[in-house]
Protein backbone atom coordinates (compact mmCIF):
# COMPACT_ATOMS: atom_id res chain seq x y z
CA MET A 1 59.91 61.56 96.62
CA LEU A 2 60.26 65.15 95.27
CA MET A 3 59.59 66.53 98.75
CA MET A 4 62.28 64.31 100.24
CA SER A 5 64.76 65.44 97.55
CA LYS A 6 64.11 69.14 98.31
CA LYS A 7 64.62 68.54 102.04
CA LEU A 8 67.90 66.73 101.41
CA THR A 9 69.09 69.53 99.11
CA TRP A 10 68.35 72.19 101.73
CA LEU A 11 69.94 70.07 104.43
CA PHE A 12 73.05 69.71 102.28
CA VAL A 13 73.21 73.50 101.59
CA ILE A 14 72.85 74.35 105.30
CA ALA A 15 75.49 71.78 106.29
CA ALA A 16 77.91 73.12 103.67
CA ALA A 17 77.36 76.70 104.84
CA LEU A 18 77.94 75.78 108.49
CA THR A 19 81.07 73.83 107.61
CA THR A 20 82.44 76.79 105.64
CA ILE A 21 81.73 79.21 108.48
CA ALA A 22 83.34 76.92 111.05
CA ALA A 23 86.40 76.35 108.88
CA CYS A 24 86.98 80.07 108.37
CA ARG A 25 86.66 80.98 112.03
CA PRO A 26 90.04 81.12 113.84
CA THR A 27 90.44 78.95 116.90
CA ASN A 28 91.34 80.41 120.30
CA GLY A 29 94.92 79.18 120.19
CA SER A 30 95.50 79.98 116.55
CA SER A 31 98.46 82.21 115.77
CA GLU A 32 96.88 82.95 112.40
CA ALA A 33 93.81 84.71 113.78
CA ILE A 34 92.88 87.80 111.85
CA SER A 35 93.09 90.98 113.89
CA THR A 36 90.41 93.60 113.52
CA ALA A 37 92.20 96.05 115.80
CA PRO A 38 93.39 99.31 114.26
CA SER A 39 96.90 99.24 112.88
CA THR A 40 99.60 100.62 115.14
CA GLN A 41 102.05 101.00 112.27
CA ALA A 42 103.57 104.47 112.17
CA THR A 43 102.46 106.67 109.33
CA THR A 44 104.04 109.82 108.05
CA GLY A 45 102.33 113.11 108.64
CA VAL A 46 101.38 115.75 106.18
CA TYR A 47 103.29 118.96 105.92
CA GLN A 48 101.36 122.20 105.94
CA THR A 49 101.67 125.09 103.54
CA LEU A 50 102.00 128.78 104.32
CA THR A 51 100.90 131.63 102.11
CA ILE A 52 103.43 134.38 101.57
CA ASP A 53 101.37 136.72 103.78
CA SER A 54 101.20 134.13 106.58
CA PHE A 55 104.94 133.57 106.30
CA ALA A 56 105.56 137.33 106.47
CA ALA A 57 103.33 137.55 109.57
CA ILE A 58 105.32 134.80 111.27
CA LEU A 59 108.55 136.63 110.49
CA ALA A 60 107.10 139.84 111.94
CA ASN A 61 105.41 138.43 115.05
CA ASN A 62 106.57 134.93 116.00
CA ARG A 63 109.99 134.64 114.41
CA ASP A 64 111.69 132.99 117.38
CA ASP A 65 109.17 130.16 117.47
CA TYR A 66 110.36 128.68 114.15
CA THR A 67 113.46 127.33 112.46
CA ILE A 68 113.48 128.77 108.94
CA LEU A 69 115.56 127.11 106.23
CA ASN A 70 116.27 128.02 102.63
CA VAL A 71 116.79 124.67 100.87
CA HIS A 72 117.30 125.98 97.33
CA ILE A 73 120.39 125.00 95.33
CA PRO A 74 122.32 126.66 93.95
CA TYR A 75 122.18 129.57 96.37
CA ALA A 76 120.16 132.42 94.83
CA GLY A 77 119.56 134.74 97.76
CA GLU A 78 117.25 134.36 100.72
CA ILE A 79 114.41 135.85 102.68
CA GLU A 80 115.62 138.02 105.55
CA ASP A 81 115.84 136.26 108.95
CA THR A 82 116.49 132.83 107.44
CA ASP A 83 118.32 130.61 109.94
CA ALA A 84 120.35 128.60 107.44
CA ASN A 85 120.82 127.71 103.79
CA ILE A 86 121.00 123.95 103.41
CA PRO A 87 120.62 122.00 100.14
CA TYR A 88 117.26 120.22 100.00
CA ASN A 89 118.98 116.94 99.08
CA ASP A 90 121.52 116.97 101.94
CA ILE A 91 119.31 115.32 104.55
CA GLU A 92 122.17 114.80 107.02
CA ALA A 93 122.99 118.53 107.07
CA LEU A 94 119.30 119.39 107.10
CA THR A 95 118.56 117.29 110.18
CA ALA A 96 121.72 118.53 111.93
CA ALA A 97 120.41 122.11 111.64
CA LEU A 98 117.09 121.28 113.30
CA PRO A 99 116.55 121.46 117.07
CA ASP A 100 114.31 118.37 117.45
CA LYS A 101 111.60 116.42 115.65
CA ASP A 102 108.76 118.35 117.29
CA ALA A 103 110.15 121.83 116.59
CA PRO A 104 108.24 124.01 114.11
CA ILE A 105 110.18 124.17 110.84
CA ILE A 106 109.52 126.35 107.79
CA LEU A 107 111.17 125.42 104.49
CA TYR A 108 111.34 127.45 101.31
CA CYS A 109 113.28 127.50 98.06
CA ARG A 110 113.07 129.48 94.83
CA SER A 111 109.82 128.02 93.46
CA GLY A 112 108.53 125.50 96.00
CA ASN A 113 109.69 122.27 94.36
CA MET A 114 112.83 121.65 96.42
CA SER A 115 111.19 122.68 99.69
CA GLU A 116 108.31 120.30 98.98
CA GLN A 117 110.78 117.42 98.50
CA ALA A 118 112.62 118.36 101.70
CA SER A 119 109.30 118.55 103.57
CA HIS A 120 108.43 114.99 102.53
CA ALA A 121 111.89 113.78 103.57
CA LEU A 122 111.57 115.35 107.03
CA LEU A 123 108.13 113.84 107.54
CA GLU A 124 109.48 110.41 106.64
CA LEU A 125 112.16 110.91 109.30
CA GLY A 126 109.50 111.65 111.93
CA TYR A 127 109.43 115.44 112.05
CA THR A 128 105.96 116.56 113.08
CA GLN A 129 105.69 120.31 112.46
CA VAL A 130 106.84 121.01 108.94
CA TRP A 131 105.63 123.97 106.88
CA ASP A 132 106.39 124.64 103.23
CA VAL A 133 106.09 127.96 101.41
CA PRO A 134 104.72 127.19 97.92
CA GLY A 135 106.13 129.56 95.35
CA GLY A 136 109.08 130.28 97.63
CA MET A 137 111.32 133.23 96.83
CA ASN A 138 109.56 133.80 93.49
CA ALA A 139 106.23 134.32 95.26
CA TRP A 140 107.95 136.43 97.93
CA ARG A 141 109.27 138.78 95.23
CA GLU A 142 105.96 138.81 93.35
CA SER A 143 104.26 140.00 96.55
CA GLY A 144 106.47 143.11 96.50
CA ARG A 145 108.94 141.91 99.12
CA GLU A 146 112.70 141.79 98.66
CA LEU A 147 115.30 139.08 98.98
CA VAL A 148 118.68 139.62 100.61
CA ASN A 149 122.11 138.52 99.37
CA GLU A 150 120.94 137.95 95.81
């Protein structure tokens, strides 16, 4: 009798497990099937940072390859060869000044805070080559370089 009870218990456990597995498996025609394919949802990129020396090298050697924007407000001067001064929080004006979403863009401000915010905003809009200069004009000056139009 005990042996029969153990067999029935195991039979019940196996039947319950198989029922659970079958119930959780989506059917071929089911619109609720769970997809294991990678997500195709667009994600925002990550902006890159430039050291002051790297930024200076770009200005000296590859200047024409980049759009360079000072996004600091209020205006407090700029680094020579800046293309435009556009407030970091005026996204419409910022995007109007840019050639296209795949163009290399360098943003800076006085300390790095405003340019970081503008970098995030551009990435959310689909821009793919965004560089930020942490420390901005303060770091530029601290490196022994000068600003213009202060």
